[in-house]
Amino acid sequence: MSEHASHDNNHAPAHFTDAEWADFQADDFSAGKAVVILMLGIFGTGVFIYSVVAYWVMAFSA
């Protein structure tokens, strides 16, 4: 008989400990912060480039 067949179907064994779940959640939170920081950096860069182009057009299109 296989290892899986000996377990009750209603009570599956826990594959991860509580500490591992906490680790996963901390890693997910860190990854989420990194994504937000990168998105803000990309947005800020776009605003900066747009501002430079807008200034250039206003200053030199007389």
PDB file of N, CA and C in Angstrom:
ATOM      1  N   MET A   1       0.853  -1.178   0.000  1.00  0.00           N
ATOM      2  CA  MET A   1       0.000   0.000   0.000  1.00  0.00           C
ATOM      3  C   MET A   1       0.896   1.238   0.000  1.00  0.00           C
ATOM      4  N   SER A   2       0.521   2.243  -0.786  1.00  0.00           N
ATOM      5  CA  SER A   2       1.359   3.442  -0.886  1.00  0.00           C
ATOM      6  C   SER A   2       1.167   4.329   0.337  1.00  0.00           C
ATOM      7  N   GLU A   3       2.079   5.252   0.479  1.00  0.00           N
ATOM      8  CA  GLU A   3       2.039   6.177   1.619  1.00  0.00           C
ATOM      9  C   GLU A   3       0.772   7.031   1.587  1.00  0.00           C
ATOM     10  N   HIS A   4       0.362   7.445   0.389  1.00  0.00           N
ATOM     11  CA  HIS A   4      -0.810   8.309   0.259  1.00  0.00           C
ATOM     12  C   HIS A   4      -2.110   7.574   0.575  1.00  0.00           C
ATOM     13  N   ALA A   5      -2.152   6.314   0.316  1.00  0.00           N
ATOM     14  CA  ALA A   5      -3.370   5.550   0.549  1.00  0.00           C
ATOM     15  C   ALA A   5      -3.653   5.381   2.037  1.00  0.00           C
ATOM     16  N   SER A   6      -2.659   5.520   2.884  1.00  0.00           N
ATOM     17  CA  SER A   6      -2.872   5.302   4.309  1.00  0.00           C
ATOM     18  C   SER A   6      -3.465   6.522   5.011  1.00  0.00           C
ATOM     19  N   HIS A   7      -3.488   7.681   4.344  1.00  0.00           N
ATOM     20  CA  HIS A   7      -4.026   8.903   4.960  1.00  0.00           C
ATOM     21  C   HIS A   7      -5.527   8.992   4.748  1.00  0.00           C
ATOM     22  N   ASP A   8      -6.199   9.532   5.725  1.00  0.00           N
ATOM     23  CA  ASP A   8      -7.636   9.793   5.619  1.00  0.00           C
ATOM     24  C   ASP A   8      -7.843  10.939   4.628  1.00  0.00           C
ATOM     25  N   ASN A   9      -8.790  10.806   3.712  1.00  0.00           N
ATOM     26  CA  ASN A   9      -9.016  11.830   2.690  1.00  0.00           C
ATOM     27  C   ASN A   9      -9.510  13.149   3.285  1.00  0.00           C
ATOM     28  N   ASN A  10     -10.191  13.103   4.420  1.00  0.00           N
ATOM     29  CA  ASN A  10     -10.718  14.323   5.026  1.00  0.00           C
ATOM     30  C   ASN A  10      -9.663  15.104   5.794  1.00  0.00           C
ATOM     31  N   HIS A  11      -8.574  14.480   6.143  1.00  0.00           N
ATOM     32  CA  HIS A  11      -7.535  15.137   6.932  1.00  0.00           C
ATOM     33  C   HIS A  11      -6.194  14.964   6.247  1.00  0.00           C
ATOM     34  N   ALA A  12      -5.956  15.798   5.239  1.00  0.00           N
ATOM     35  CA  ALA A  12      -4.695  15.716   4.500  1.00  0.00           C
ATOM     36  C   ALA A  12      -3.557  16.191   5.404  1.00  0.00           C
ATOM     37  N   PRO A  13      -2.398  15.599   5.255  1.00  0.00           N
ATOM     38  CA  PRO A  13      -1.267  16.015   6.086  1.00  0.00           C
ATOM     39  C   PRO A  13      -0.802  17.421   5.710  1.00  0.00           C
ATOM     40  N   ALA A  14      -0.315  18.152   6.672  1.00  0.00           N
ATOM     41  CA  ALA A  14       0.190  19.498   6.423  1.00  0.00           C
ATOM     42  C   ALA A  14       1.525  19.379   5.696  1.00  0.00           C
ATOM     43  N   HIS A  15       1.616  20.040   4.561  1.00  0.00           N
ATOM     44  CA  HIS A  15       2.845  19.974   3.772  1.00  0.00           C
ATOM     45  C   HIS A  15       3.872  20.983   4.253  1.00  0.00           C
ATOM     46  N   PHE A  16       3.417  22.048   4.894  1.00  0.00           N
ATOM     47  CA  PHE A  16       4.317  23.091   5.370  1.00  0.00           C
ATOM     48  C   PHE A  16       4.016  23.389   6.833  1.00  0.00           C
ATOM     49  N   THR A  17       5.046  23.692   7.573  1.00  0.00           N
ATOM     50  CA  THR A  17       4.863  24.053   8.980  1.00  0.00           C
ATOM     51  C   THR A  17       4.401  25.498   9.068  1.00  0.00           C
ATOM     52  N   ASP A  18       3.958  25.892  10.260  1.00  0.00           N
ATOM     53  CA  ASP A  18       3.536  27.284  10.459  1.00  0.00           C
ATOM     54  C   ASP A  18       4.691  28.247  10.219  1.00  0.00           C
ATOM     55  N   ALA A  19       5.898  27.851  10.604  1.00  0.00           N
ATOM     56  CA  ALA A  19       7.073  28.708  10.383  1.00  0.00           C
ATOM     57  C   ALA A  19       7.340  28.879   8.886  1.00  0.00           C
ATOM     58  N   GLU A  20       7.148  27.818   8.113  1.00  0.00           N
ATOM     59  CA  GLU A  20       7.350  27.916   6.667  1.00  0.00           C
ATOM     60  C   GLU A  20       6.302  28.827   6.033  1.00  0.00           C
ATOM     61  N   TRP A  21       5.052  28.718   6.503  1.00  0.00           N
ATOM     62  CA  TRP A  21       4.008  29.608   5.983  1.00  0.00           C
ATOM     63  C   TRP A  21       4.325  31.059   6.302  1.00  0.00           C
ATOM     64  N   ALA A  22       4.789  31.314   7.513  1.00  0.00           N
ATOM     65  CA  ALA A  22       5.160  32.682   7.895  1.00  0.00           C
ATOM     66  C   ALA A  22       6.302  33.187   7.011  1.00  0.00           C
ATOM     67  N   ASP A  23       7.243  32.294   6.716  1.00  0.00           N
ATOM     68  CA  ASP A  23       8.351  32.641   5.818  1.00  0.00           C
ATOM     69  C   ASP A  23       7.837  32.988   4.424  1.00  0.00           C
ATOM     70  N   PHE A  24       6.904  32.179   3.920  1.00  0.00           N
ATOM     71  CA  PHE A  24       6.324  32.447   2.601  1.00  0.00           C
ATOM     72  C   PHE A  24       5.634  33.814   2.583  1.00  0.00           C
ATOM     73  N   GLN A  25       4.874  34.101   3.634  1.00  0.00           N
ATOM     74  CA  GLN A  25       4.158  35.370   3.690  1.00  0.00           C
ATOM     75  C   GLN A  25       5.123  36.545   3.757  1.00  0.00           C
ATOM     76  N   ALA A  26       6.188  36.409   4.531  1.00  0.00           N
ATOM     77  CA  ALA A  26       7.191  37.478   4.615  1.00  0.00           C
ATOM     78  C   ALA A  26       7.863  37.681   3.260  1.00  0.00           C
ATOM     79  N   ASP A  27       8.176  36.582   2.574  1.00  0.00           N
ATOM     80  CA  ASP A  27       8.786  36.686   1.248  1.00  0.00           C
ATOM     81  C   ASP A  27       7.827  37.338   0.253  1.00  0.00           C
ATOM     82  N   ASP A  28       6.548  36.980   0.319  1.00  0.00           N
ATOM     83  CA  ASP A  28       5.556  37.580  -0.571  1.00  0.00           C
ATOM     84  C   ASP A  28       5.434  39.081  -0.317  1.00  0.00           C
ATOM     85  N   PHE A  29       5.443  39.474   0.949  1.00  0.00           N
ATOM     86  CA  PHE A  29       5.343  40.894   1.286  1.00  0.00           C
ATOM     87  C   PHE A  29       6.559  41.641   0.762  1.00  0.00           C
ATOM     88  N   SER A  30       7.734  41.070   0.925  1.00  0.00           N
ATOM     89  CA  SER A  30       8.964  41.704   0.426  1.00  0.00           C
ATOM     90  C   SER A  30       8.931  41.830  -1.093  1.00  0.00           C
ATOM     91  N   ALA A  31       8.476  40.794  -1.760  1.00  0.00           N
ATOM     92  CA  ALA A  31       8.383  40.837  -3.221  1.00  0.00           C
ATOM     93  C   ALA A  31       7.374  41.896  -3.665  1.00  0.00           C
ATOM     94  N   GLY A  32       6.274  42.000  -2.962  1.00  0.00           N
ATOM     95  CA  GLY A  32       5.273  43.028  -3.284  1.00  0.00           C
ATOM     96  C   GLY A  32       5.835  44.425  -3.138  1.00  0.00           C
ATOM     97  N   LYS A  33       6.598  44.652  -2.066  1.00  0.00           N
ATOM     98  CA  LYS A  33       7.230  45.963  -1.884  1.00  0.00           C
ATOM     99  C   LYS A  33       8.206  46.251  -3.015  1.00  0.00           C
ATOM    100  N   ALA A  34       8.978  45.258  -3.427  1.00  0.00           N
ATOM    101  CA  ALA A  34       9.941  45.446  -4.511  1.00  0.00           C
ATOM    102  C   ALA A  34       9.224  45.813  -5.812  1.00  0.00           C
ATOM    103  N   VAL A  35       8.103  45.156  -6.091  1.00  0.00           N
ATOM    104  CA  VAL A  35       7.343  45.451  -7.312  1.00  0.00           C
ATOM    105  C   VAL A  35       6.824  46.883  -7.271  1.00  0.00           C
ATOM    106  N   VAL A  36       6.289  47.308  -6.132  1.00  0.00           N
ATOM    107  CA  VAL A  36       5.763  48.669  -6.013  1.00  0.00           C
ATOM    108  C   VAL A  36       6.881  49.688  -6.182  1.00  0.00           C
ATOM    109  N   ILE A  37       8.028  49.445  -5.580  1.00  0.00           N
ATOM    110  CA  ILE A  37       9.159  50.369  -5.714  1.00  0.00           C
ATOM    111  C   ILE A  37       9.618  50.457  -7.163  1.00  0.00           C
ATOM    112  N   LEU A  38       9.696  49.326  -7.846  1.00  0.00           N
ATOM    113  CA  LEU A  38      10.081  49.346  -9.263  1.00  0.00           C
ATOM    114  C   LEU A  38       9.061  50.103 -10.110  1.00  0.00           C
ATOM    115  N   MET A  39       7.780  49.878  -9.844  1.00  0.00           N
ATOM    116  CA  MET A  39       6.747  50.577 -10.606  1.00  0.00           C
ATOM    117  C   MET A  39       6.816  52.084 -10.371  1.00  0.00           C
ATOM    118  N   LEU A  40       7.048  52.492  -9.130  1.00  0.00           N
ATOM    119  CA  LEU A  40       7.173  53.917  -8.836  1.00  0.00           C
ATOM    120  C   LEU A  40       8.405  54.510  -9.513  1.00  0.00           C
ATOM    121  N   GLY A  41       9.483  53.744  -9.555  1.00  0.00           N
ATOM    122  CA  GLY A  41      10.688  54.203 -10.241  1.00  0.00           C
ATOM    123  C   GLY A  41      10.454  54.399 -11.726  1.00  0.00           C
ATOM    124  N   ILE A  42       9.764  53.458 -12.344  1.00  0.00           N
ATOM    125  CA  ILE A  42       9.455  53.568 -13.774  1.00  0.00           C
ATOM    126  C   ILE A  42       8.530  54.759 -14.026  1.00  0.00           C
ATOM    127  N   PHE A  43       7.526  54.926 -13.172  1.00  0.00           N
ATOM    128  CA  PHE A  43       6.599  56.051 -13.314  1.00  0.00           C
ATOM    129  C   PHE A  43       7.339  57.373 -13.141  1.00  0.00           C
ATOM    130  N   GLY A  44       8.192  57.452 -12.107  1.00  0.00           N
ATOM    131  CA  GLY A  44       8.960  58.679 -11.865  1.00  0.00           C
ATOM    132  C   GLY A  44       9.879  59.017 -13.024  1.00  0.00           C
ATOM    133  N   THR A  45      10.502  57.996 -13.594  1.00  0.00           N
ATOM    134  CA  THR A  45      11.362  58.219 -14.757  1.00  0.00           C
ATOM    135  C   THR A  45      10.550  58.760 -15.932  1.00  0.00           C
ATOM    136  N   GLY A  46       9.380  58.214 -16.145  1.00  0.00           N
ATOM    137  CA  GLY A  46       8.513  58.696 -17.223  1.00  0.00           C
ATOM    138  C   GLY A  46       8.092  60.138 -17.014  1.00  0.00           C
ATOM    139  N   VAL A  47       7.739  60.490 -15.794  1.00  0.00           N
ATOM    140  CA  VAL A  47       7.345  61.872 -15.498  1.00  0.00           C
ATOM    141  C   VAL A  47       8.525  62.809 -15.725  1.00  0.00           C
ATOM    142  N   PHE A  48       9.712  62.384 -15.304  1.00  0.00           N
ATOM    143  CA  PHE A  48      10.906  63.214 -15.505  1.00  0.00           C
ATOM    144  C   PHE A  48      11.172  63.435 -16.996  1.00  0.00           C
ATOM    145  N   ILE A  49      11.133  62.381 -17.793  1.00  0.00           N
ATOM    146  CA  ILE A  49      11.386  62.508 -19.229  1.00  0.00           C
ATOM    147  C   ILE A  49      10.314  63.377 -19.882  1.00  0.00           C
ATOM    148  N   TYR A  50       9.065  63.182 -19.502  1.00  0.00           N
ATOM    149  CA  TYR A  50       7.983  64.004 -20.045  1.00  0.00           C
ATOM    150  C   TYR A  50       8.214  65.472 -19.696  1.00  0.00           C
ATOM    151  N   SER A  51       8.642  65.748 -18.462  1.00  0.00           N
ATOM    152  CA  SER A  51       8.893  67.129 -18.036  1.00  0.00           C
ATOM    153  C   SER A  51      10.019  67.760 -18.833  1.00  0.00           C
ATOM    154  N   VAL A  52      11.082  66.995 -19.071  1.00  0.00           N
ATOM    155  CA  VAL A  52      12.200  67.523 -19.864  1.00  0.00           C
ATOM    156  C   VAL A  52      11.743  67.853 -21.282  1.00  0.00           C
ATOM    157  N   VAL A  53      10.985  66.961 -21.893  1.00  0.00           N
ATOM    158  CA  VAL A  53      10.493  67.202 -23.254  1.00  0.00           C
ATOM    159  C   VAL A  53       9.543  68.402 -23.265  1.00  0.00           C
ATOM    160  N   ALA A  54       8.651  68.491 -22.292  1.00  0.00           N
ATOM    161  CA  ALA A  54       7.711  69.612 -22.232  1.00  0.00           C
ATOM    162  C   ALA A  54       8.468  70.929 -22.063  1.00  0.00           C
ATOM    163  N   TYR A  55       9.466  70.968 -21.213  1.00  0.00           N
ATOM    164  CA  TYR A  55      10.271  72.186 -21.022  1.00  0.00           C
ATOM    165  C   TYR A  55      10.995  72.532 -22.318  1.00  0.00           C
ATOM    166  N   TRP A  56      11.577  71.527 -22.959  1.00  0.00           N
ATOM    167  CA  TRP A  56      12.319  71.743 -24.207  1.00  0.00           C
ATOM    168  C   TRP A  56      11.398  72.353 -25.275  1.00  0.00           C
ATOM    169  N   VAL A  57      10.201  71.823 -25.389  1.00  0.00           N
ATOM    170  CA  VAL A  57       9.253  72.331 -26.391  1.00  0.00           C
ATOM    171  C   VAL A  57       8.831  73.754 -26.060  1.00  0.00           C
ATOM    172  N   MET A  58       8.559  74.021 -24.781  1.00  0.00           N
ATOM    173  CA  MET A  58       8.142  75.378 -24.390  1.00  0.00           C
ATOM    174  C   MET A  58       9.274  76.389 -24.564  1.00  0.00           C
ATOM    175  N   ALA A  59      10.488  76.006 -24.254  1.00  0.00           N
ATOM    176  CA  ALA A  59      11.605  76.947 -24.284  1.00  0.00           C
ATOM    177  C   ALA A  59      12.122  77.220 -25.683  1.00  0.00           C
ATOM    178  N   PHE A  60      12.054  76.248 -26.559  1.00  0.00           N
ATOM    179  CA  PHE A  60      12.707  76.400 -27.858  1.00  0.00           C
ATOM    180  C   PHE A  60      11.756  76.341 -29.046  1.00  0.00           C
ATOM    181  N   SER A  61      10.496  76.558 -28.839  1.00  0.00           N
ATOM    182  CA  SER A  61       9.560  76.511 -29.966  1.00  0.00           C
ATOM    183  C   SER A  61       8.962  77.887 -30.245  1.00  0.00           C
ATOM    184  N   ALA A  62       9.741  78.894 -30.146  1.00  0.00           N
ATOM    185  CA  ALA A  62       9.254  80.249 -30.367  1.00  0.00           C
ATOM    186  C   ALA A  62       9.265  80.512 -31.801  1.00  0.00           C
TER     187      ALA A  62
END
